[in-house]
Amino acid sequence: GIGIYIVNAPGSHITLNTIHDNWEGVGLYNSSNCEISSNSITSNGFEGIALTGTQQCSLHHNLIVDHLEGIYLIDSTSNLITDNTMKDNSRGIDSNSGSTGNHIYHNNFFSSDQNNAYDEGSNTWDNGYPSGGNYWDDYNGPDNNHDGIGDTPYNIPGGAGNKDYYPFMNPVTLPPAQPIDPDPEDHATNV
């Protein structure tokens, strides 16, 4: 049912995996100081990544495609979510009211059915100026000074008044993932 499920395991690292066609891609429960990075998480029935009761974890450089929620935060605090691409999810990120103090920036949000993000908690959706916030494919504000950052905030629905004050006008360019085999043989394919 769950591709990878980590329970009560601080300091865990989930990196360089392809996770697809499960009920949930990655479940992290009651853990801290964990890293979920450089994974391809696609077509799992409900959540791509679900954090429940987690704190001080880092989610970065993940491709999260085709879920009910790309990332679902349940009573999780002080996590860092950066440099991810969420596409074709009903919601890119969904956060309940018990999820607070999370920092979410430099992510790409594409083609969500309901909302690119929904946040009932109190979280930070940008890294200030000039570092910027996130790219939202449904943002339509102006960029009068042509610095690549929108001049009006992107409102995050959910009732907590969250905003990305510095939305990017273009997708965040992410560096390629580290190759699994950095020294392939001559004429190797699919590397």
N, C-alpha and C. Protein backbone atom coordinates (compact mmCIF):
# COMPACT_ATOMS: atom_id res chain seq x y z
N GLY A 1 0.79 -1.21 0.00
CA GLY A 1 0.00 0.00 0.00
C GLY A 1 0.82 1.26 0.00
N ILE A 2 1.94 1.27 0.72
CA ILE A 2 2.80 2.45 0.79
C ILE A 2 4.17 2.07 0.24
N GLY A 3 4.66 2.86 -0.70
CA GLY A 3 5.96 2.54 -1.31
C GLY A 3 7.06 2.47 -0.27
N ILE A 4 7.22 3.53 0.53
CA ILE A 4 8.21 3.58 1.61
C ILE A 4 7.51 4.17 2.83
N TYR A 5 7.58 3.47 3.97
CA TYR A 5 6.92 3.94 5.18
C TYR A 5 7.92 3.92 6.32
N ILE A 6 8.21 5.09 6.88
CA ILE A 6 9.20 5.24 7.95
C ILE A 6 8.46 5.68 9.21
N VAL A 7 8.63 4.95 10.31
CA VAL A 7 7.95 5.24 11.57
C VAL A 7 8.96 5.36 12.70
N ASN A 8 8.87 6.45 13.48
CA ASN A 8 9.72 6.64 14.66
C ASN A 8 11.20 6.42 14.34
N ALA A 9 11.65 7.02 13.25
CA ALA A 9 13.03 6.79 12.80
C ALA A 9 13.70 8.12 12.48
N PRO A 10 14.22 8.81 13.48
CA PRO A 10 14.88 10.09 13.22
C PRO A 10 16.15 9.90 12.39
N GLY A 11 16.45 10.90 11.56
CA GLY A 11 17.68 10.87 10.77
C GLY A 11 17.63 9.98 9.55
N SER A 12 16.45 9.57 9.11
CA SER A 12 16.34 8.71 7.92
C SER A 12 16.57 9.51 6.64
N HIS A 13 17.09 8.85 5.61
CA HIS A 13 17.31 9.47 4.31
C HIS A 13 16.65 8.60 3.24
N ILE A 14 15.77 9.21 2.45
CA ILE A 14 15.09 8.54 1.35
C ILE A 14 15.50 9.29 0.10
N THR A 15 16.43 8.74 -0.68
CA THR A 15 16.97 9.46 -1.82
C THR A 15 17.10 8.55 -3.04
N LEU A 16 16.99 9.18 -4.23
CA LEU A 16 17.24 8.54 -5.52
C LEU A 16 16.38 7.29 -5.75
N ASN A 17 15.07 7.38 -5.44
CA ASN A 17 14.15 6.27 -5.67
C ASN A 17 13.14 6.63 -6.74
N THR A 18 12.61 5.61 -7.39
CA THR A 18 11.45 5.74 -8.26
C THR A 18 10.31 5.03 -7.57
N ILE A 19 9.26 5.77 -7.22
CA ILE A 19 8.17 5.25 -6.41
C ILE A 19 6.87 5.53 -7.15
N HIS A 20 6.15 4.47 -7.57
CA HIS A 20 4.92 4.70 -8.32
C HIS A 20 3.94 3.56 -8.13
N ASP A 21 2.67 3.87 -8.42
CA ASP A 21 1.56 2.90 -8.41
C ASP A 21 1.35 2.25 -7.04
N ASN A 22 1.40 3.05 -5.98
CA ASN A 22 1.06 2.60 -4.64
C ASN A 22 -0.16 3.39 -4.15
N TRP A 23 -0.65 3.07 -2.97
CA TRP A 23 -1.71 3.86 -2.35
C TRP A 23 -1.12 5.19 -1.89
N GLU A 24 0.09 5.15 -1.34
CA GLU A 24 0.82 6.34 -0.91
C GLU A 24 2.27 6.14 -1.30
N GLY A 25 2.93 7.19 -1.78
CA GLY A 25 4.32 7.04 -2.21
C GLY A 25 5.29 6.89 -1.05
N VAL A 26 5.41 7.95 -0.23
CA VAL A 26 6.31 7.95 0.93
C VAL A 26 5.51 8.42 2.13
N GLY A 27 5.54 7.64 3.21
CA GLY A 27 4.91 8.03 4.46
C GLY A 27 5.97 8.17 5.54
N LEU A 28 6.02 9.32 6.17
CA LEU A 28 6.98 9.57 7.24
C LEU A 28 6.17 9.92 8.48
N TYR A 29 6.29 9.10 9.53
CA TYR A 29 5.45 9.24 10.71
C TYR A 29 6.30 9.41 11.96
N ASN A 30 6.03 10.47 12.70
CA ASN A 30 6.65 10.71 14.00
C ASN A 30 8.18 10.59 13.93
N SER A 31 8.76 11.30 13.00
CA SER A 31 10.21 11.26 12.82
C SER A 31 10.73 12.68 12.68
N SER A 32 12.03 12.85 12.86
CA SER A 32 12.63 14.19 12.77
C SER A 32 13.98 14.11 12.10
N ASN A 33 14.43 15.26 11.61
CA ASN A 33 15.75 15.38 10.97
C ASN A 33 15.95 14.36 9.85
N CYS A 34 14.91 14.17 9.05
CA CYS A 34 14.97 13.23 7.93
C CYS A 34 15.12 14.00 6.62
N GLU A 35 15.52 13.30 5.59
CA GLU A 35 15.67 13.90 4.26
C GLU A 35 14.97 13.03 3.24
N ILE A 36 14.14 13.67 2.42
CA ILE A 36 13.50 13.00 1.27
C ILE A 36 13.92 13.81 0.05
N SER A 37 14.80 13.25 -0.78
CA SER A 37 15.36 14.05 -1.87
C SER A 37 15.61 13.24 -3.13
N SER A 38 15.52 13.94 -4.26
CA SER A 38 15.88 13.42 -5.58
C SER A 38 15.14 12.15 -5.93
N ASN A 39 13.84 12.08 -5.57
CA ASN A 39 13.00 10.94 -5.89
C ASN A 39 12.03 11.30 -7.00
N SER A 40 11.65 10.29 -7.78
CA SER A 40 10.56 10.42 -8.75
C SER A 40 9.37 9.68 -8.15
N ILE A 41 8.33 10.43 -7.77
CA ILE A 41 7.18 9.87 -7.07
C ILE A 41 5.96 10.16 -7.92
N THR A 42 5.41 9.12 -8.56
CA THR A 42 4.36 9.32 -9.55
C THR A 42 3.22 8.31 -9.39
N SER A 43 2.02 8.79 -9.69
CA SER A 43 0.81 7.96 -9.85
C SER A 43 0.53 7.05 -8.67
N ASN A 44 0.71 7.56 -7.46
CA ASN A 44 0.26 6.85 -6.27
C ASN A 44 -1.14 7.36 -5.96
N GLY A 45 -2.02 6.53 -5.48
CA GLY A 45 -3.44 6.86 -5.38
C GLY A 45 -3.77 8.09 -4.56
N PHE A 46 -3.16 8.24 -3.39
CA PHE A 46 -3.52 9.36 -2.53
C PHE A 46 -2.38 10.37 -2.46
N GLU A 47 -1.47 10.23 -1.52
CA GLU A 47 -0.40 11.21 -1.36
C GLU A 47 0.88 10.75 -2.04
N GLY A 48 1.61 11.73 -2.58
CA GLY A 48 2.96 11.43 -3.04
C GLY A 48 3.87 11.28 -1.84
N ILE A 49 3.86 12.30 -0.95
CA ILE A 49 4.61 12.28 0.30
C ILE A 49 3.66 12.74 1.39
N ALA A 50 3.55 11.96 2.47
CA ALA A 50 2.74 12.35 3.62
C ALA A 50 3.62 12.43 4.85
N LEU A 51 3.65 13.61 5.47
CA LEU A 51 4.38 13.80 6.72
C LEU A 51 3.37 13.91 7.84
N THR A 52 3.46 13.01 8.81
CA THR A 52 2.55 13.02 9.95
C THR A 52 3.36 13.11 11.23
N GLY A 53 3.15 14.18 11.99
CA GLY A 53 3.86 14.36 13.25
C GLY A 53 5.37 14.43 13.08
N THR A 54 5.84 14.99 11.99
CA THR A 54 7.27 15.09 11.73
C THR A 54 7.76 16.51 11.97
N GLN A 55 9.04 16.64 12.19
CA GLN A 55 9.61 17.97 12.39
C GLN A 55 11.05 18.01 11.91
N GLN A 56 11.45 19.20 11.45
CA GLN A 56 12.81 19.49 11.02
C GLN A 56 13.32 18.52 9.95
N CYS A 57 12.43 18.17 9.01
CA CYS A 57 12.82 17.33 7.88
C CYS A 57 12.99 18.20 6.64
N SER A 58 13.74 17.69 5.68
CA SER A 58 14.01 18.41 4.44
C SER A 58 13.48 17.58 3.27
N LEU A 59 12.63 18.21 2.45
CA LEU A 59 12.12 17.59 1.23
C LEU A 59 12.61 18.46 0.08
N HIS A 60 13.47 17.92 -0.77
CA HIS A 60 13.98 18.74 -1.87
C HIS A 60 14.32 17.91 -3.09
N HIS A 61 14.22 18.56 -4.26
CA HIS A 61 14.57 17.99 -5.56
C HIS A 61 13.76 16.73 -5.89
N ASN A 62 12.49 16.69 -5.46
CA ASN A 62 11.62 15.57 -5.80
C ASN A 62 10.69 15.96 -6.94
N LEU A 63 10.38 14.99 -7.80
CA LEU A 63 9.36 15.15 -8.83
C LEU A 63 8.14 14.40 -8.33
N ILE A 64 7.01 15.12 -8.15
CA ILE A 64 5.82 14.56 -7.52
C ILE A 64 4.65 14.79 -8.47
N VAL A 65 4.18 13.72 -9.13
CA VAL A 65 3.22 13.84 -10.22
C VAL A 65 2.05 12.88 -10.03
N ASP A 66 0.82 13.39 -10.21
CA ASP A 66 -0.41 12.60 -10.32
C ASP A 66 -0.81 11.93 -9.00
N HIS A 67 -1.24 12.76 -8.04
CA HIS A 67 -1.72 12.28 -6.74
C HIS A 67 -2.93 13.11 -6.31
N LEU A 68 -3.62 12.65 -5.28
CA LEU A 68 -4.65 13.47 -4.66
C LEU A 68 -3.98 14.68 -4.01
N GLU A 69 -2.97 14.45 -3.17
CA GLU A 69 -2.12 15.50 -2.63
C GLU A 69 -0.68 15.17 -2.97
N GLY A 70 0.02 16.10 -3.58
CA GLY A 70 1.44 15.87 -3.86
C GLY A 70 2.21 15.68 -2.57
N ILE A 71 2.11 16.68 -1.67
CA ILE A 71 2.69 16.61 -0.33
C ILE A 71 1.57 16.92 0.65
N TYR A 72 1.39 16.06 1.66
CA TYR A 72 0.35 16.26 2.66
C TYR A 72 1.01 16.39 4.03
N LEU A 73 0.82 17.54 4.67
CA LEU A 73 1.39 17.81 5.99
C LEU A 73 0.31 17.68 7.05
N ILE A 74 0.51 16.76 7.98
CA ILE A 74 -0.45 16.51 9.06
C ILE A 74 0.29 16.71 10.38
N ASP A 75 -0.05 17.76 11.11
CA ASP A 75 0.56 18.03 12.41
C ASP A 75 2.08 17.96 12.35
N SER A 76 2.64 18.56 11.33
CA SER A 76 4.09 18.54 11.12
C SER A 76 4.62 19.96 11.16
N THR A 77 5.78 20.16 11.80
CA THR A 77 6.29 21.51 12.03
C THR A 77 7.76 21.63 11.65
N SER A 78 8.13 22.85 11.30
CA SER A 78 9.53 23.24 11.08
C SER A 78 10.23 22.40 10.02
N ASN A 79 9.51 22.03 8.97
CA ASN A 79 10.11 21.29 7.86
C ASN A 79 10.49 22.26 6.75
N LEU A 80 11.46 21.88 5.94
CA LEU A 80 11.93 22.68 4.82
C LEU A 80 11.57 21.97 3.52
N ILE A 81 10.77 22.62 2.68
CA ILE A 81 10.30 22.02 1.43
C ILE A 81 10.74 22.94 0.30
N THR A 82 11.80 22.54 -0.44
CA THR A 82 12.37 23.38 -1.49
C THR A 82 12.71 22.58 -2.74
N ASP A 83 12.71 23.27 -3.86
CA ASP A 83 13.22 22.74 -5.13
C ASP A 83 12.52 21.47 -5.59
N ASN A 84 11.22 21.36 -5.31
CA ASN A 84 10.42 20.23 -5.78
C ASN A 84 9.54 20.69 -6.94
N THR A 85 9.15 19.75 -7.78
CA THR A 85 8.19 20.03 -8.84
C THR A 85 6.96 19.17 -8.61
N MET A 86 5.80 19.83 -8.49
CA MET A 86 4.52 19.16 -8.31
C MET A 86 3.66 19.41 -9.53
N LYS A 87 3.16 18.32 -10.12
CA LYS A 87 2.41 18.46 -11.36
C LYS A 87 1.25 17.46 -11.39
N ASP A 88 0.11 17.92 -11.91
CA ASP A 88 -1.06 17.08 -12.13
C ASP A 88 -1.56 16.39 -10.86
N ASN A 89 -1.45 17.07 -9.72
CA ASN A 89 -2.03 16.59 -8.48
C ASN A 89 -3.35 17.34 -8.25
N SER A 90 -4.28 16.76 -7.48
CA SER A 90 -5.47 17.55 -7.14
C SER A 90 -5.07 18.76 -6.34
N ARG A 91 -4.13 18.59 -5.40
CA ARG A 91 -3.50 19.69 -4.69
C ARG A 91 -2.01 19.42 -4.65
N GLY A 92 -1.21 20.43 -4.95
CA GLY A 92 0.24 20.26 -4.90
C GLY A 92 0.71 20.00 -3.48
N ILE A 93 0.32 20.89 -2.55
CA ILE A 93 0.61 20.74 -1.13
C ILE A 93 -0.68 21.01 -0.36
N ASP A 94 -0.96 20.15 0.62
CA ASP A 94 -2.11 20.31 1.50
C ASP A 94 -1.60 20.26 2.93
N SER A 95 -1.92 21.27 3.73
CA SER A 95 -1.42 21.37 5.09
C SER A 95 -2.58 21.57 6.07
N ASN A 96 -2.66 20.74 7.12
CA ASN A 96 -3.74 20.91 8.10
C ASN A 96 -3.38 21.97 9.12
N SER A 97 -4.32 22.32 9.99
CA SER A 97 -4.13 23.42 10.92
C SER A 97 -3.03 23.15 11.94
N GLY A 98 -2.69 21.89 12.20
CA GLY A 98 -1.63 21.55 13.14
C GLY A 98 -0.24 21.61 12.54
N SER A 99 -0.16 21.93 11.26
CA SER A 99 1.15 22.03 10.59
C SER A 99 1.55 23.49 10.52
N THR A 100 2.57 23.87 11.30
CA THR A 100 2.99 25.26 11.38
C THR A 100 4.51 25.36 11.31
N GLY A 101 4.96 26.56 10.96
CA GLY A 101 6.39 26.83 10.96
C GLY A 101 7.17 26.13 9.87
N ASN A 102 6.48 25.63 8.86
CA ASN A 102 7.17 25.00 7.72
C ASN A 102 7.59 26.09 6.74
N HIS A 103 8.73 25.90 6.09
CA HIS A 103 9.25 26.84 5.10
C HIS A 103 9.17 26.18 3.73
N ILE A 104 8.42 26.81 2.82
CA ILE A 104 8.10 26.22 1.53
C ILE A 104 8.44 27.24 0.44
N TYR A 105 9.51 27.00 -0.30
CA TYR A 105 9.90 27.95 -1.35
C TYR A 105 10.76 27.28 -2.41
N HIS A 106 10.88 27.97 -3.55
CA HIS A 106 11.63 27.52 -4.73
C HIS A 106 11.08 26.21 -5.30
N ASN A 107 9.77 26.02 -5.22
CA ASN A 107 9.10 24.87 -5.80
C ASN A 107 8.34 25.29 -7.04
N ASN A 108 8.05 24.33 -7.90
CA ASN A 108 7.22 24.55 -9.09
C ASN A 108 5.88 23.86 -8.89
N PHE A 109 4.79 24.59 -9.13
CA PHE A 109 3.44 24.04 -9.02
C PHE A 109 2.76 24.14 -10.39
N PHE A 110 2.41 22.97 -10.96
CA PHE A 110 1.79 22.92 -12.28
C PHE A 110 0.47 22.15 -12.23
N SER A 111 -0.55 22.67 -12.85
CA SER A 111 -1.77 21.95 -13.23
C SER A 111 -2.41 21.14 -12.12
N SER A 112 -2.75 21.79 -11.03
CA SER A 112 -3.49 21.11 -9.97
C SER A 112 -4.98 21.24 -10.23
N ASP A 113 -5.75 20.18 -9.94
CA ASP A 113 -7.20 20.18 -10.18
C ASP A 113 -7.93 21.15 -9.26
N GLN A 114 -7.62 21.12 -7.95
CA GLN A 114 -8.33 21.96 -6.98
C GLN A 114 -7.54 23.24 -6.70
N ASN A 115 -6.41 23.10 -6.02
CA ASN A 115 -5.56 24.24 -5.69
C ASN A 115 -4.11 23.78 -5.81
N ASN A 116 -3.25 24.68 -6.23
CA ASN A 116 -1.83 24.35 -6.21
C ASN A 116 -1.37 24.12 -4.78
N ALA A 117 -1.96 24.83 -3.83
CA ALA A 117 -1.67 24.64 -2.41
C ALA A 117 -2.89 24.99 -1.60
N TYR A 118 -3.00 24.35 -0.44
CA TYR A 118 -4.09 24.61 0.50
C TYR A 118 -3.50 24.51 1.89
N ASP A 119 -3.62 25.58 2.68
CA ASP A 119 -2.91 25.63 3.96
C ASP A 119 -3.80 26.17 5.06
N GLU A 120 -4.16 25.30 6.00
CA GLU A 120 -4.93 25.71 7.17
C GLU A 120 -4.02 26.11 8.33
N GLY A 121 -2.71 25.83 8.21
CA GLY A 121 -1.76 26.16 9.27
C GLY A 121 -1.17 27.54 9.07
N SER A 122 -0.05 27.77 9.71
CA SER A 122 0.66 29.04 9.58
C SER A 122 2.08 28.72 9.14
N ASN A 123 2.33 28.89 7.83
CA ASN A 123 3.60 28.49 7.24
C ASN A 123 4.16 29.61 6.38
N THR A 124 5.43 29.56 6.06
CA THR A 124 6.10 30.56 5.25
C THR A 124 6.26 30.02 3.84
N TRP A 125 5.77 30.78 2.85
CA TRP A 125 5.72 30.33 1.46
C TRP A 125 6.71 31.06 0.56
N ASP A 126 7.68 31.73 1.11
CA ASP A 126 8.72 32.35 0.31
C ASP A 126 9.96 32.50 1.17
N ASN A 127 11.07 32.90 0.52
CA ASN A 127 12.34 33.07 1.23
C ASN A 127 12.77 34.53 1.23
N GLY A 128 11.79 35.43 1.16
CA GLY A 128 12.10 36.86 1.14
C GLY A 128 12.60 37.32 -0.22
N TYR A 129 12.85 38.60 -0.29
CA TYR A 129 13.36 39.18 -1.54
C TYR A 129 14.86 39.42 -1.40
N PRO A 130 15.69 39.10 -2.36
CA PRO A 130 15.35 38.70 -3.73
C PRO A 130 15.33 37.19 -3.96
N SER A 131 15.52 36.39 -2.91
CA SER A 131 15.55 34.93 -3.09
C SER A 131 14.26 34.42 -3.73
N GLY A 132 13.12 34.93 -3.30
CA GLY A 132 11.86 34.60 -3.93
C GLY A 132 11.09 33.47 -3.27
N GLY A 133 9.94 33.17 -3.89
CA GLY A 133 9.03 32.16 -3.36
C GLY A 133 8.96 30.94 -4.24
N ASN A 134 7.79 30.71 -4.84
CA ASN A 134 7.53 29.54 -5.66
C ASN A 134 7.01 29.97 -7.03
N TYR A 135 7.03 29.03 -7.98
CA TYR A 135 6.39 29.27 -9.26
C TYR A 135 5.00 28.63 -9.22
N TRP A 136 3.98 29.41 -9.57
CA TRP A 136 2.59 28.96 -9.60
C TRP A 136 2.08 29.12 -11.03
N ASP A 137 1.67 28.06 -11.67
CA ASP A 137 1.24 28.19 -13.06
C ASP A 137 -0.05 28.98 -13.22
N ASP A 138 -0.80 29.22 -12.12
CA ASP A 138 -2.02 30.00 -12.21
C ASP A 138 -1.86 31.43 -11.67
N TYR A 139 -0.63 31.84 -11.41
CA TYR A 139 -0.39 33.21 -10.96
C TYR A 139 -0.48 34.15 -12.16
N ASN A 140 -1.23 35.23 -12.01
CA ASN A 140 -1.39 36.16 -13.14
C ASN A 140 -1.12 37.61 -12.75
N GLY A 141 -0.30 37.80 -11.73
CA GLY A 141 0.05 39.16 -11.32
C GLY A 141 1.10 39.77 -12.24
N PRO A 142 1.31 41.08 -12.11
CA PRO A 142 2.28 41.77 -12.96
C PRO A 142 3.71 41.66 -12.42
N ASP A 143 4.66 41.95 -13.28
CA ASP A 143 6.08 42.09 -12.90
C ASP A 143 6.58 43.37 -13.56
N ASN A 144 6.18 44.50 -13.02
CA ASN A 144 6.47 45.79 -13.65
C ASN A 144 7.95 46.15 -13.68
N ASN A 145 8.73 45.67 -12.72
CA ASN A 145 10.16 45.99 -12.72
C ASN A 145 11.01 44.91 -13.39
N HIS A 146 10.37 43.87 -13.93
CA HIS A 146 11.04 42.81 -14.71
C HIS A 146 12.17 42.12 -13.96
N ASP A 147 11.96 41.89 -12.66
CA ASP A 147 12.97 41.16 -11.89
C ASP A 147 12.68 39.67 -11.79
N GLY A 148 11.61 39.21 -12.46
CA GLY A 148 11.26 37.79 -12.45
C GLY A 148 10.42 37.38 -11.27
N ILE A 149 10.07 38.35 -10.41
CA ILE A 149 9.25 38.08 -9.23
C ILE A 149 8.00 38.94 -9.32
N GLY A 150 6.84 38.32 -9.10
CA GLY A 150 5.58 39.04 -9.19
C GLY A 150 5.47 40.16 -8.19
N ASP A 151 4.76 41.22 -8.58
CA ASP A 151 4.63 42.40 -7.74
C ASP A 151 3.50 42.29 -6.72
N THR A 152 2.61 41.32 -6.88
CA THR A 152 1.52 41.10 -5.93
C THR A 152 1.63 39.69 -5.37
N PRO A 153 1.22 39.48 -4.12
CA PRO A 153 1.33 38.15 -3.51
C PRO A 153 0.42 37.12 -4.18
N TYR A 154 0.80 35.86 -4.03
CA TYR A 154 -0.05 34.74 -4.43
C TYR A 154 -0.75 34.25 -3.16
N ASN A 155 -2.07 34.29 -3.15
CA ASN A 155 -2.83 33.88 -1.97
C ASN A 155 -2.95 32.36 -1.90
N ILE A 156 -2.67 31.82 -0.71
CA ILE A 156 -2.78 30.38 -0.46
C ILE A 156 -4.12 30.14 0.23
N PRO A 157 -5.08 29.46 -0.42
CA PRO A 157 -6.36 29.21 0.23
C PRO A 157 -6.21 28.30 1.45
N GLY A 158 -7.21 28.35 2.34
CA GLY A 158 -7.21 27.50 3.51
C GLY A 158 -7.63 28.23 4.77
N GLY A 159 -7.71 29.55 4.71
CA GLY A 159 -8.25 30.28 5.84
C GLY A 159 -7.24 30.84 6.81
N ALA A 160 -5.96 30.53 6.66
CA ALA A 160 -4.97 31.03 7.62
C ALA A 160 -4.29 32.32 7.13
N GLY A 161 -4.68 32.81 5.97
CA GLY A 161 -4.10 34.05 5.46
C GLY A 161 -2.69 33.91 4.92
N ASN A 162 -2.28 32.70 4.57
CA ASN A 162 -0.93 32.48 4.04
C ASN A 162 -0.80 33.05 2.64
N LYS A 163 0.40 33.57 2.35
CA LYS A 163 0.68 34.15 1.03
C LYS A 163 2.12 33.84 0.64
N ASP A 164 2.33 33.70 -0.65
CA ASP A 164 3.67 33.73 -1.22
C ASP A 164 3.86 35.18 -1.66
N TYR A 165 4.65 35.94 -0.91
CA TYR A 165 4.80 37.37 -1.19
C TYR A 165 5.71 37.64 -2.39
N TYR A 166 6.49 36.64 -2.82
CA TYR A 166 7.44 36.84 -3.92
C TYR A 166 7.35 35.72 -4.95
N PRO A 167 6.17 35.53 -5.58
CA PRO A 167 6.02 34.44 -6.54
C PRO A 167 6.86 34.66 -7.79
N PHE A 168 7.45 33.57 -8.28
CA PHE A 168 8.25 33.65 -9.50
C PHE A 168 7.35 33.72 -10.72
N MET A 169 7.80 34.44 -11.73
CA MET A 169 7.07 34.57 -12.98
C MET A 169 7.32 33.38 -13.90
N ASN A 170 8.46 32.71 -13.72
CA ASN A 170 8.83 31.55 -14.54
C ASN A 170 9.21 30.39 -13.64
N PRO A 171 9.12 29.16 -14.15
CA PRO A 171 9.47 28.01 -13.32
C PRO A 171 10.89 28.11 -12.77
N VAL A 172 11.06 27.57 -11.59
CA VAL A 172 12.36 27.51 -10.96
C VAL A 172 13.20 26.49 -11.73
N THR A 173 14.39 26.89 -12.13
CA THR A 173 15.28 25.96 -12.82
C THR A 173 16.01 25.14 -11.77
N LEU A 174 15.80 23.84 -11.82
CA LEU A 174 16.40 22.95 -10.85
C LEU A 174 17.61 22.26 -11.46
N PRO A 175 18.68 22.10 -10.72
CA PRO A 175 19.82 21.36 -11.26
C PRO A 175 19.44 19.90 -11.45
N PRO A 176 20.09 19.21 -12.37
CA PRO A 176 19.77 17.80 -12.58
C PRO A 176 20.12 16.99 -11.35
N ALA A 177 19.41 15.88 -11.16
CA ALA A 177 19.71 14.98 -10.06
C ALA A 177 21.08 14.33 -10.27
N GLN A 178 21.74 14.01 -9.19
CA GLN A 178 23.03 13.33 -9.27
C GLN A 178 22.85 12.00 -9.99
N PRO A 179 23.69 11.68 -10.95
CA PRO A 179 23.54 10.41 -11.66
C PRO A 179 23.76 9.23 -10.73
N ILE A 180 23.02 8.16 -10.98
CA ILE A 180 23.18 6.95 -10.18
C ILE A 180 24.53 6.31 -10.46
N ASP A 181 24.94 6.35 -11.74
CA ASP A 181 26.24 5.80 -12.13
C ASP A 181 27.03 6.93 -12.79
N PRO A 182 27.85 7.65 -12.03
CA PRO A 182 28.54 8.80 -12.61
C PRO A 182 29.66 8.42 -13.58
N ASP A 183 30.04 7.15 -13.66
CA ASP A 183 31.10 6.70 -14.56
C ASP A 183 30.61 5.53 -15.43
N PRO A 184 29.66 5.78 -16.33
CA PRO A 184 29.16 4.67 -17.16
C PRO A 184 30.21 4.19 -18.14
N GLU A 185 30.06 2.94 -18.55
CA GLU A 185 30.97 2.39 -19.57
C GLU A 185 30.68 3.06 -20.91
N ASP A 186 31.66 3.01 -21.81
CA ASP A 186 31.45 3.54 -23.15
C ASP A 186 30.26 2.84 -23.80
N HIS A 187 29.46 3.62 -24.53
CA HIS A 187 28.30 3.16 -25.27
C HIS A 187 27.15 2.69 -24.38
N ALA A 188 27.18 3.00 -23.10
CA ALA A 188 26.09 2.63 -22.20
C ALA A 188 24.85 3.44 -22.56
N THR A 189 23.66 2.84 -22.38
CA THR A 189 22.42 3.52 -22.66
C THR A 189 21.59 3.64 -21.39
N ASN A 190 20.58 4.52 -21.43
CA ASN A 190 19.67 4.72 -20.30
C ASN A 190 20.39 5.10 -19.02
N VAL A 191 21.44 5.89 -19.13
CA VAL A 191 22.20 6.33 -17.96
C VAL A 191 21.72 7.71 -17.57
